[in-house]
ModelCIF file with pLDDT and N, C-alpha, C, O atoms, coordinates in Angstrom:
data_MODEL
#
_entry.id   MODEL 
#
_entity.id                         1 
_entity.type                       polymer 
_entity.pdbx_number_of_molecules   1 
#
_entity_poly.entity_id                      1 
_entity_poly.type                           'polypeptide(L)' 
_entity_poly.nstd_linkage                   no 
_entity_poly.nstd_monomer                   no 
_entity_poly.pdbx_seq_one_letter_code       GTSHGPVAVLALTVGHQSYNGAGSNAAITAESVSVSYDKGVT 
_entity_poly.pdbx_seq_one_letter_code_can   GTSHGPVAVLALTVGHQSYNGAGSNAAITAESVSVSYDKGVT 
_entity_poly.pdbx_strand_id                 A 
#
loop_
_entity_poly_seq.entity_id 
_entity_poly_seq.num 
_entity_poly_seq.mon_id 
_entity_poly_seq.hetero 
1 1  GLY n 
1 2  THR n 
1 3  SER n 
1 4  HIS n 
1 5  GLY n 
1 6  PRO n 
1 7  VAL n 
1 8  ALA n 
1 9  VAL n 
1 10 LEU n 
1 11 ALA n 
1 12 LEU n 
1 13 THR n 
1 14 VAL n 
1 15 GLY n 
1 16 HIS n 
1 17 GLN n 
1 18 SER n 
1 19 TYR n 
1 20 ASN n 
1 21 GLY n 
1 22 ALA n 
1 23 GLY n 
1 24 SER n 
1 25 ASN n 
1 26 ALA n 
1 27 ALA n 
1 28 ILE n 
1 29 THR n 
1 30 ALA n 
1 31 GLU n 
1 32 SER n 
1 33 VAL n 
1 34 SER n 
1 35 VAL n 
1 36 SER n 
1 37 TYR n 
1 38 ASP n 
1 39 LYS n 
1 40 GLY n 
1 41 VAL n 
1 42 THR n 
#
_struct_asym.id          A 
_struct_asym.entity_id   1 
#
loop_
_ma_qa_metric.id 
_ma_qa_metric.mode 
_ma_qa_metric.name 
_ma_qa_metric.software_group_id 
_ma_qa_metric.type 
1 global pLDDT . pLDDT 
2 local  pLDDT . pLDDT 
#
_ma_qa_metric_global.metric_id      1 
_ma_qa_metric_global.metric_value   97.26 
_ma_qa_metric_global.model_id       1 
_ma_qa_metric_global.ordinal_id     1 
#
loop_
_ma_qa_metric_local.label_asym_id 
_ma_qa_metric_local.label_comp_id 
_ma_qa_metric_local.label_seq_id 
_ma_qa_metric_local.metric_id 
_ma_qa_metric_local.metric_value 
_ma_qa_metric_local.model_id 
_ma_qa_metric_local.ordinal_id 
A GLY 1  2 98.00 1 1  
A THR 2  2 98.00 1 2  
A SER 3  2 98.00 1 3  
A HIS 4  2 97.00 1 4  
A GLY 5  2 95.00 1 5  
A PRO 6  2 97.00 1 6  
A VAL 7  2 98.00 1 7  
A ALA 8  2 98.00 1 8  
A VAL 9  2 98.00 1 9  
A LEU 10 2 98.00 1 10 
A ALA 11 2 98.00 1 11 
A LEU 12 2 98.00 1 12 
A THR 13 2 98.00 1 13 
A VAL 14 2 98.00 1 14 
A GLY 15 2 98.00 1 15 
A HIS 16 2 98.00 1 16 
A GLN 17 2 98.00 1 17 
A SER 18 2 97.00 1 18 
A TYR 19 2 94.00 1 19 
A ASN 20 2 92.00 1 20 
A GLY 21 2 94.00 1 21 
A ALA 22 2 96.00 1 22 
A GLY 23 2 97.00 1 23 
A SER 24 2 98.00 1 24 
A ASN 25 2 97.00 1 25 
A ALA 26 2 98.00 1 26 
A ALA 27 2 98.00 1 27 
A ILE 28 2 98.00 1 28 
A THR 29 2 98.00 1 29 
A ALA 30 2 97.00 1 30 
A GLU 31 2 97.00 1 31 
A SER 32 2 98.00 1 32 
A VAL 33 2 98.00 1 33 
A SER 34 2 98.00 1 34 
A VAL 35 2 98.00 1 35 
A SER 36 2 98.00 1 36 
A TYR 37 2 97.00 1 37 
A ASP 38 2 97.00 1 38 
A LYS 39 2 97.00 1 39 
A GLY 40 2 97.00 1 40 
A VAL 41 2 97.00 1 41 
A THR 42 2 98.00 1 42 
#
loop_
_atom_site.group_PDB 
_atom_site.id 
_atom_site.type_symbol 
_atom_site.label_atom_id 
_atom_site.label_alt_id 
_atom_site.label_comp_id 
_atom_site.label_asym_id 
_atom_site.label_entity_id 
_atom_site.label_seq_id 
_atom_site.pdbx_PDB_ins_code 
_atom_site.Cartn_x 
_atom_site.Cartn_y 
_atom_site.Cartn_z 
_atom_site.occupancy 
_atom_site.B_iso_or_equiv 
_atom_site.pdbx_formal_charge 
_atom_site.auth_seq_id 
_atom_site.auth_comp_id 
_atom_site.auth_asym_id 
_atom_site.auth_atom_id 
_atom_site.pdbx_PDB_model_num 
ATOM 1   N N  . GLY A 1 1  ? 66.172 33.144 0.180   1.00 98.00 ? 1  GLY A N  1 
ATOM 2   C CA . GLY A 1 1  ? 67.533 33.295 -1.029  1.00 98.00 ? 1  GLY A CA 1 
ATOM 3   C C  . GLY A 1 1  ? 67.237 33.540 -2.378  1.00 98.00 ? 1  GLY A C  1 
ATOM 4   O O  . GLY A 1 1  ? 67.744 33.018 -3.371  1.00 98.00 ? 1  GLY A O  1 
ATOM 5   N N  . THR A 1 2  ? 66.096 34.648 -2.279  1.00 98.00 ? 2  THR A N  1 
ATOM 6   C CA . THR A 1 2  ? 65.467 35.335 -3.527  1.00 98.00 ? 2  THR A CA 1 
ATOM 7   C C  . THR A 1 2  ? 66.139 36.812 -3.848  1.00 98.00 ? 2  THR A C  1 
ATOM 8   O O  . THR A 1 2  ? 66.474 37.560 -2.930  1.00 98.00 ? 2  THR A O  1 
ATOM 9   N N  . SER A 1 3  ? 66.264 37.077 -4.922  1.00 98.00 ? 3  SER A N  1 
ATOM 10  C CA . SER A 1 3  ? 67.337 38.340 -5.041  1.00 98.00 ? 3  SER A CA 1 
ATOM 11  C C  . SER A 1 3  ? 65.993 38.935 -5.894  1.00 98.00 ? 3  SER A C  1 
ATOM 12  O O  . SER A 1 3  ? 65.350 38.241 -6.682  1.00 98.00 ? 3  SER A O  1 
ATOM 13  N N  . HIS A 1 4  ? 65.691 40.375 -5.578  1.00 97.00 ? 4  HIS A N  1 
ATOM 14  C CA . HIS A 1 4  ? 64.842 41.268 -6.165  1.00 97.00 ? 4  HIS A CA 1 
ATOM 15  C C  . HIS A 1 4  ? 65.091 42.264 -6.951  1.00 97.00 ? 4  HIS A C  1 
ATOM 16  O O  . HIS A 1 4  ? 66.175 42.714 -6.579  1.00 97.00 ? 4  HIS A O  1 
ATOM 17  N N  . GLY A 1 5  ? 64.735 42.814 -7.753  1.00 95.00 ? 5  GLY A N  1 
ATOM 18  C CA . GLY A 1 5  ? 65.173 43.888 -8.973  1.00 95.00 ? 5  GLY A CA 1 
ATOM 19  C C  . GLY A 1 5  ? 66.265 43.362 -9.967  1.00 95.00 ? 5  GLY A C  1 
ATOM 20  O O  . GLY A 1 5  ? 66.553 42.177 -10.136 1.00 95.00 ? 5  GLY A O  1 
ATOM 21  N N  . PRO A 1 6  ? 66.801 44.395 -10.567 1.00 97.00 ? 6  PRO A N  1 
ATOM 22  C CA . PRO A 1 6  ? 67.519 44.159 -11.706 1.00 97.00 ? 6  PRO A CA 1 
ATOM 23  C C  . PRO A 1 6  ? 68.672 43.812 -11.802 1.00 97.00 ? 6  PRO A C  1 
ATOM 24  O O  . PRO A 1 6  ? 69.101 43.429 -12.891 1.00 97.00 ? 6  PRO A O  1 
ATOM 25  N N  . VAL A 1 7  ? 69.462 43.857 -10.692 1.00 98.00 ? 7  VAL A N  1 
ATOM 26  C CA . VAL A 1 7  ? 70.700 43.732 -10.186 1.00 98.00 ? 7  VAL A CA 1 
ATOM 27  C C  . VAL A 1 7  ? 71.200 42.786 -9.175  1.00 98.00 ? 7  VAL A C  1 
ATOM 28  O O  . VAL A 1 7  ? 70.553 42.967 -8.144  1.00 98.00 ? 7  VAL A O  1 
ATOM 29  N N  . ALA A 1 8  ? 71.923 42.017 -9.054  1.00 98.00 ? 8  ALA A N  1 
ATOM 30  C CA . ALA A 1 8  ? 72.306 40.917 -8.136  1.00 98.00 ? 8  ALA A CA 1 
ATOM 31  C C  . ALA A 1 8  ? 73.668 41.494 -7.262  1.00 98.00 ? 8  ALA A C  1 
ATOM 32  O O  . ALA A 1 8  ? 74.724 41.724 -7.852  1.00 98.00 ? 8  ALA A O  1 
ATOM 33  N N  . VAL A 1 9  ? 73.553 41.645 -6.170  1.00 98.00 ? 9  VAL A N  1 
ATOM 34  C CA . VAL A 1 9  ? 74.667 42.152 -5.166  1.00 98.00 ? 9  VAL A CA 1 
ATOM 35  C C  . VAL A 1 9  ? 75.120 40.766 -4.585  1.00 98.00 ? 9  VAL A C  1 
ATOM 36  O O  . VAL A 1 9  ? 74.379 39.933 -4.063  1.00 98.00 ? 9  VAL A O  1 
ATOM 37  N N  . LEU A 1 10 ? 76.701 40.658 -4.804  1.00 98.00 ? 10 LEU A N  1 
ATOM 38  C CA . LEU A 1 10 ? 77.183 39.543 -3.865  1.00 98.00 ? 10 LEU A CA 1 
ATOM 39  C C  . LEU A 1 10 ? 78.625 40.351 -2.940  1.00 98.00 ? 10 LEU A C  1 
ATOM 40  O O  . LEU A 1 10 ? 79.591 40.853 -3.514  1.00 98.00 ? 10 LEU A O  1 
ATOM 41  N N  . ALA A 1 11 ? 78.455 40.305 -1.598  1.00 98.00 ? 11 ALA A N  1 
ATOM 42  C CA . ALA A 1 11 ? 79.933 40.982 -0.890  1.00 98.00 ? 11 ALA A CA 1 
ATOM 43  C C  . ALA A 1 11 ? 80.602 39.770 -0.556  1.00 98.00 ? 11 ALA A C  1 
ATOM 44  O O  . ALA A 1 11 ? 80.213 38.989 0.313   1.00 98.00 ? 11 ALA A O  1 
ATOM 45  N N  . LEU A 1 12 ? 81.655 39.623 -1.290  1.00 98.00 ? 12 LEU A N  1 
ATOM 46  C CA . LEU A 1 12 ? 82.502 38.609 -1.295  1.00 98.00 ? 12 LEU A CA 1 
ATOM 47  C C  . LEU A 1 12 ? 84.165 38.559 -0.374  1.00 98.00 ? 12 LEU A C  1 
ATOM 48  O O  . LEU A 1 12 ? 85.205 39.139 -0.687  1.00 98.00 ? 12 LEU A O  1 
ATOM 49  N N  . THR A 1 13 ? 83.998 37.991 0.369   1.00 98.00 ? 13 THR A N  1 
ATOM 50  C CA . THR A 1 13 ? 85.708 37.859 1.082   1.00 98.00 ? 13 THR A CA 1 
ATOM 51  C C  . THR A 1 13 ? 86.375 36.607 0.944   1.00 98.00 ? 13 THR A C  1 
ATOM 52  O O  . THR A 1 13 ? 86.055 35.498 1.371   1.00 98.00 ? 13 THR A O  1 
ATOM 53  N N  . VAL A 1 14 ? 87.537 37.044 0.150   1.00 98.00 ? 14 VAL A N  1 
ATOM 54  C CA . VAL A 1 14 ? 88.353 35.806 0.139   1.00 98.00 ? 14 VAL A CA 1 
ATOM 55  C C  . VAL A 1 14 ? 89.581 35.728 0.801   1.00 98.00 ? 14 VAL A C  1 
ATOM 56  O O  . VAL A 1 14 ? 90.518 36.456 0.471   1.00 98.00 ? 14 VAL A O  1 
ATOM 57  N N  . GLY A 1 15 ? 89.660 34.921 1.694   1.00 98.00 ? 15 GLY A N  1 
ATOM 58  C CA . GLY A 1 15 ? 91.036 34.600 2.449   1.00 98.00 ? 15 GLY A CA 1 
ATOM 59  C C  . GLY A 1 15 ? 91.299 32.940 3.007   1.00 98.00 ? 15 GLY A C  1 
ATOM 60  O O  . GLY A 1 15 ? 90.968 31.900 2.438   1.00 98.00 ? 15 GLY A O  1 
ATOM 61  N N  . HIS A 1 16 ? 91.789 33.062 3.908   1.00 98.00 ? 16 HIS A N  1 
ATOM 62  C CA . HIS A 1 16 ? 92.251 31.448 4.447   1.00 98.00 ? 16 HIS A CA 1 
ATOM 63  C C  . HIS A 1 16 ? 91.853 31.015 5.771   1.00 98.00 ? 16 HIS A C  1 
ATOM 64  O O  . HIS A 1 16 ? 91.840 31.756 6.754   1.00 98.00 ? 16 HIS A O  1 
ATOM 65  N N  . GLN A 1 17 ? 91.506 29.707 5.767   1.00 98.00 ? 17 GLN A N  1 
ATOM 66  C CA . GLN A 1 17 ? 91.631 28.860 7.076   1.00 98.00 ? 17 GLN A CA 1 
ATOM 67  C C  . GLN A 1 17 ? 91.941 29.515 8.428   1.00 98.00 ? 17 GLN A C  1 
ATOM 68  O O  . GLN A 1 17 ? 93.126 29.839 8.519   1.00 98.00 ? 17 GLN A O  1 
ATOM 69  N N  . SER A 1 18 ? 91.105 29.827 9.624   1.00 97.00 ? 18 SER A N  1 
ATOM 70  C CA . SER A 1 18 ? 91.876 30.449 10.400  1.00 97.00 ? 18 SER A CA 1 
ATOM 71  C C  . SER A 1 18 ? 91.188 30.066 11.671  1.00 97.00 ? 18 SER A C  1 
ATOM 72  O O  . SER A 1 18 ? 90.006 29.722 11.686  1.00 97.00 ? 18 SER A O  1 
ATOM 73  N N  . TYR A 1 19 ? 91.951 30.131 12.752  1.00 94.00 ? 19 TYR A N  1 
ATOM 74  C CA . TYR A 1 19 ? 91.305 29.476 14.281  1.00 94.00 ? 19 TYR A CA 1 
ATOM 75  C C  . TYR A 1 19 ? 91.544 30.634 15.121  1.00 94.00 ? 19 TYR A C  1 
ATOM 76  O O  . TYR A 1 19 ? 92.659 31.068 14.829  1.00 94.00 ? 19 TYR A O  1 
ATOM 77  N N  . ASN A 1 20 ? 90.964 31.382 16.098  1.00 92.00 ? 20 ASN A N  1 
ATOM 78  C CA . ASN A 1 20 ? 91.229 32.348 16.586  1.00 92.00 ? 20 ASN A CA 1 
ATOM 79  C C  . ASN A 1 20 ? 92.348 33.523 16.277  1.00 92.00 ? 20 ASN A C  1 
ATOM 80  O O  . ASN A 1 20 ? 93.012 34.176 17.083  1.00 92.00 ? 20 ASN A O  1 
ATOM 81  N N  . GLY A 1 21 ? 92.327 33.572 14.742  1.00 94.00 ? 21 GLY A N  1 
ATOM 82  C CA . GLY A 1 21 ? 93.254 34.526 14.212  1.00 94.00 ? 21 GLY A CA 1 
ATOM 83  C C  . GLY A 1 21 ? 94.278 33.757 13.434  1.00 94.00 ? 21 GLY A C  1 
ATOM 84  O O  . GLY A 1 21 ? 94.660 34.195 12.349  1.00 94.00 ? 21 GLY A O  1 
ATOM 85  N N  . ALA A 1 22 ? 94.789 32.531 13.970  1.00 96.00 ? 22 ALA A N  1 
ATOM 86  C CA . ALA A 1 22 ? 95.902 32.066 13.399  1.00 96.00 ? 22 ALA A CA 1 
ATOM 87  C C  . ALA A 1 22 ? 95.606 31.651 12.162  1.00 96.00 ? 22 ALA A C  1 
ATOM 88  O O  . ALA A 1 22 ? 94.482 31.196 11.953  1.00 96.00 ? 22 ALA A O  1 
ATOM 89  N N  . GLY A 1 23 ? 96.520 31.730 11.166  1.00 97.00 ? 23 GLY A N  1 
ATOM 90  C CA . GLY A 1 23 ? 96.592 31.136 9.679   1.00 97.00 ? 23 GLY A CA 1 
ATOM 91  C C  . GLY A 1 23 ? 97.103 32.149 8.955   1.00 97.00 ? 23 GLY A C  1 
ATOM 92  O O  . GLY A 1 23 ? 97.453 33.205 9.481   1.00 97.00 ? 23 GLY A O  1 
ATOM 93  N N  . SER A 1 24 ? 97.186 31.918 7.717   1.00 98.00 ? 24 SER A N  1 
ATOM 94  C CA . SER A 1 24 ? 97.771 32.643 6.430   1.00 98.00 ? 24 SER A CA 1 
ATOM 95  C C  . SER A 1 24 ? 96.955 34.053 6.178   1.00 98.00 ? 24 SER A C  1 
ATOM 96  O O  . SER A 1 24 ? 95.728 34.152 6.155   1.00 98.00 ? 24 SER A O  1 
ATOM 97  N N  . ASN A 1 25 ? 97.719 34.914 6.029   1.00 97.00 ? 25 ASN A N  1 
ATOM 98  C CA . ASN A 1 25 ? 97.113 36.214 5.710   1.00 97.00 ? 25 ASN A CA 1 
ATOM 99  C C  . ASN A 1 25 ? 97.743 36.647 4.486   1.00 97.00 ? 25 ASN A C  1 
ATOM 100 O O  . ASN A 1 25 ? 98.009 37.832 4.284   1.00 97.00 ? 25 ASN A O  1 
ATOM 101 N N  . ALA A 1 26 ? 98.010 35.647 3.593   1.00 98.00 ? 26 ALA A N  1 
ATOM 102 C CA . ALA A 1 26 ? 98.758 36.226 2.341   1.00 98.00 ? 26 ALA A CA 1 
ATOM 103 C C  . ALA A 1 26 ? 97.523 36.642 1.364   1.00 98.00 ? 26 ALA A C  1 
ATOM 104 O O  . ALA A 1 26 ? 96.389 36.174 1.258   1.00 98.00 ? 26 ALA A O  1 
ATOM 105 N N  . ALA A 1 27 ? 98.388 38.025 0.488   1.00 98.00 ? 27 ALA A N  1 
ATOM 106 C CA . ALA A 1 27 ? 97.580 38.549 0.063   1.00 98.00 ? 27 ALA A CA 1 
ATOM 107 C C  . ALA A 1 27 ? 96.629 38.003 -1.202  1.00 98.00 ? 27 ALA A C  1 
ATOM 108 O O  . ALA A 1 27 ? 96.980 36.981 -1.791  1.00 98.00 ? 27 ALA A O  1 
ATOM 109 N N  . ILE A 1 28 ? 95.670 38.567 -1.517  1.00 98.00 ? 28 ILE A N  1 
ATOM 110 C CA . ILE A 1 28 ? 94.743 37.897 -2.891  1.00 98.00 ? 28 ILE A CA 1 
ATOM 111 C C  . ILE A 1 28 ? 95.188 38.764 -4.142  1.00 98.00 ? 28 ILE A C  1 
ATOM 112 O O  . ILE A 1 28 ? 94.968 39.966 -4.289  1.00 98.00 ? 28 ILE A O  1 
ATOM 113 N N  . THR A 1 29 ? 95.796 37.998 -4.935  1.00 98.00 ? 29 THR A N  1 
ATOM 114 C CA . THR A 1 29 ? 96.132 38.512 -5.932  1.00 98.00 ? 29 THR A CA 1 
ATOM 115 C C  . THR A 1 29 ? 95.342 38.727 -7.158  1.00 98.00 ? 29 THR A C  1 
ATOM 116 O O  . THR A 1 29 ? 95.526 39.727 -7.852  1.00 98.00 ? 29 THR A O  1 
ATOM 117 N N  . ALA A 1 30 ? 94.487 37.843 -7.442  1.00 97.00 ? 30 ALA A N  1 
ATOM 118 C CA . ALA A 1 30 ? 93.297 37.902 -8.593  1.00 97.00 ? 30 ALA A CA 1 
ATOM 119 C C  . ALA A 1 30 ? 92.007 37.308 -7.984  1.00 97.00 ? 30 ALA A C  1 
ATOM 120 O O  . ALA A 1 30 ? 92.096 36.556 -7.014  1.00 97.00 ? 30 ALA A O  1 
ATOM 121 N N  . GLU A 1 31 ? 91.003 37.573 -8.437  1.00 97.00 ? 31 GLU A N  1 
ATOM 122 C CA . GLU A 1 31 ? 89.720 37.172 -8.366  1.00 97.00 ? 31 GLU A CA 1 
ATOM 123 C C  . GLU A 1 31 ? 88.783 37.300 -9.329  1.00 97.00 ? 31 GLU A C  1 
ATOM 124 O O  . GLU A 1 31 ? 88.844 38.232 -10.132 1.00 97.00 ? 31 GLU A O  1 
ATOM 125 N N  . SER A 1 32 ? 87.835 36.409 -9.360  1.00 98.00 ? 32 SER A N  1 
ATOM 126 C CA . SER A 1 32 ? 86.513 36.670 -10.491 1.00 98.00 ? 32 SER A CA 1 
ATOM 127 C C  . SER A 1 32 ? 85.264 36.161 -10.072 1.00 98.00 ? 32 SER A C  1 
ATOM 128 O O  . SER A 1 32 ? 85.298 35.289 -9.204  1.00 98.00 ? 32 SER A O  1 
ATOM 129 N N  . VAL A 1 33 ? 84.197 36.515 -10.498 1.00 98.00 ? 33 VAL A N  1 
ATOM 130 C CA . VAL A 1 33 ? 82.991 36.091 -10.531 1.00 98.00 ? 33 VAL A CA 1 
ATOM 131 C C  . VAL A 1 33 ? 82.131 35.820 -11.595 1.00 98.00 ? 33 VAL A C  1 
ATOM 132 O O  . VAL A 1 33 ? 81.877 36.810 -12.281 1.00 98.00 ? 33 VAL A O  1 
ATOM 133 N N  . SER A 1 34 ? 81.575 34.710 -11.958 1.00 98.00 ? 34 SER A N  1 
ATOM 134 C CA . SER A 1 34 ? 80.524 34.504 -13.235 1.00 98.00 ? 34 SER A CA 1 
ATOM 135 C C  . SER A 1 34 ? 79.480 34.217 -12.863 1.00 98.00 ? 34 SER A C  1 
ATOM 136 O O  . SER A 1 34 ? 79.354 33.833 -11.701 1.00 98.00 ? 34 SER A O  1 
ATOM 137 N N  . VAL A 1 35 ? 78.536 34.292 -13.596 1.00 98.00 ? 35 VAL A N  1 
ATOM 138 C CA . VAL A 1 35 ? 77.097 33.688 -13.470 1.00 98.00 ? 35 VAL A CA 1 
ATOM 139 C C  . VAL A 1 35 ? 76.742 33.146 -14.990 1.00 98.00 ? 35 VAL A C  1 
ATOM 140 O O  . VAL A 1 35 ? 76.986 33.659 -16.082 1.00 98.00 ? 35 VAL A O  1 
ATOM 141 N N  . SER A 1 36 ? 76.208 32.161 -14.713 1.00 98.00 ? 36 SER A N  1 
ATOM 142 C CA . SER A 1 36 ? 75.470 31.494 -15.856 1.00 98.00 ? 36 SER A CA 1 
ATOM 143 C C  . SER A 1 36 ? 73.938 31.181 -15.832 1.00 98.00 ? 36 SER A C  1 
ATOM 144 O O  . SER A 1 36 ? 73.433 30.762 -14.790 1.00 98.00 ? 36 SER A O  1 
ATOM 145 N N  . TYR A 1 37 ? 73.160 31.381 -16.998 1.00 97.00 ? 37 TYR A N  1 
ATOM 146 C CA . TYR A 1 37 ? 72.090 31.206 -16.870 1.00 97.00 ? 37 TYR A CA 1 
ATOM 147 C C  . TYR A 1 37 ? 71.191 30.211 -17.454 1.00 97.00 ? 37 TYR A C  1 
ATOM 148 O O  . TYR A 1 37 ? 69.961 30.161 -17.450 1.00 97.00 ? 37 TYR A O  1 
ATOM 149 N N  . ASP A 1 38 ? 72.204 29.312 -18.033 1.00 97.00 ? 38 ASP A N  1 
ATOM 150 C CA . ASP A 1 38 ? 72.125 27.753 -18.723 1.00 97.00 ? 38 ASP A CA 1 
ATOM 151 C C  . ASP A 1 38 ? 72.998 26.629 -18.275 1.00 97.00 ? 38 ASP A C  1 
ATOM 152 O O  . ASP A 1 38 ? 73.709 25.910 -18.977 1.00 97.00 ? 38 ASP A O  1 
ATOM 153 N N  . LYS A 1 39 ? 72.775 26.597 -16.649 1.00 97.00 ? 39 LYS A N  1 
ATOM 154 C CA . LYS A 1 39 ? 73.301 25.266 -15.986 1.00 97.00 ? 39 LYS A CA 1 
ATOM 155 C C  . LYS A 1 39 ? 74.651 25.214 -16.318 1.00 97.00 ? 39 LYS A C  1 
ATOM 156 O O  . LYS A 1 39 ? 75.153 24.094 -16.412 1.00 97.00 ? 39 LYS A O  1 
ATOM 157 N N  . GLY A 1 40 ? 75.449 26.345 -16.547 1.00 97.00 ? 40 GLY A N  1 
ATOM 158 C CA . GLY A 1 40 ? 76.994 26.142 -16.725 1.00 97.00 ? 40 GLY A CA 1 
ATOM 159 C C  . GLY A 1 40 ? 77.456 25.984 -18.037 1.00 97.00 ? 40 GLY A C  1 
ATOM 160 O O  . GLY A 1 40 ? 78.651 25.888 -18.316 1.00 97.00 ? 40 GLY A O  1 
ATOM 161 N N  . VAL A 1 41 ? 76.471 25.951 -18.912 1.00 97.00 ? 41 VAL A N  1 
ATOM 162 C CA . VAL A 1 41 ? 77.202 25.927 -20.424 1.00 97.00 ? 41 VAL A CA 1 
ATOM 163 C C  . VAL A 1 41 ? 77.635 27.249 -20.918 1.00 97.00 ? 41 VAL A C  1 
ATOM 164 O O  . VAL A 1 41 ? 78.305 27.079 -21.937 1.00 97.00 ? 41 VAL A O  1 
ATOM 165 N N  . THR A 1 42 ? 77.521 28.551 -20.597 1.00 98.00 ? 42 THR A N  1 
ATOM 166 C CA . THR A 1 42 ? 78.212 29.541 -21.131 1.00 98.00 ? 42 THR A CA 1 
ATOM 167 C C  . THR A 1 42 ? 78.062 30.681 -19.458 1.00 98.00 ? 42 THR A C  1 
ATOM 168 O O  . THR A 1 42 ? 78.579 31.798 -19.423 1.00 98.00 ? 42 THR A O  1 
#
């Protein structure tokens, strides 16, 4: 679980719970990723 180098990379998939392909396929309209180095203060 260790990242090496100056840049971290995350491949993120946003979807819905599904079972054998059944479930919602509603479009994702917005997303954001943020990082904190001070335990969530900023």
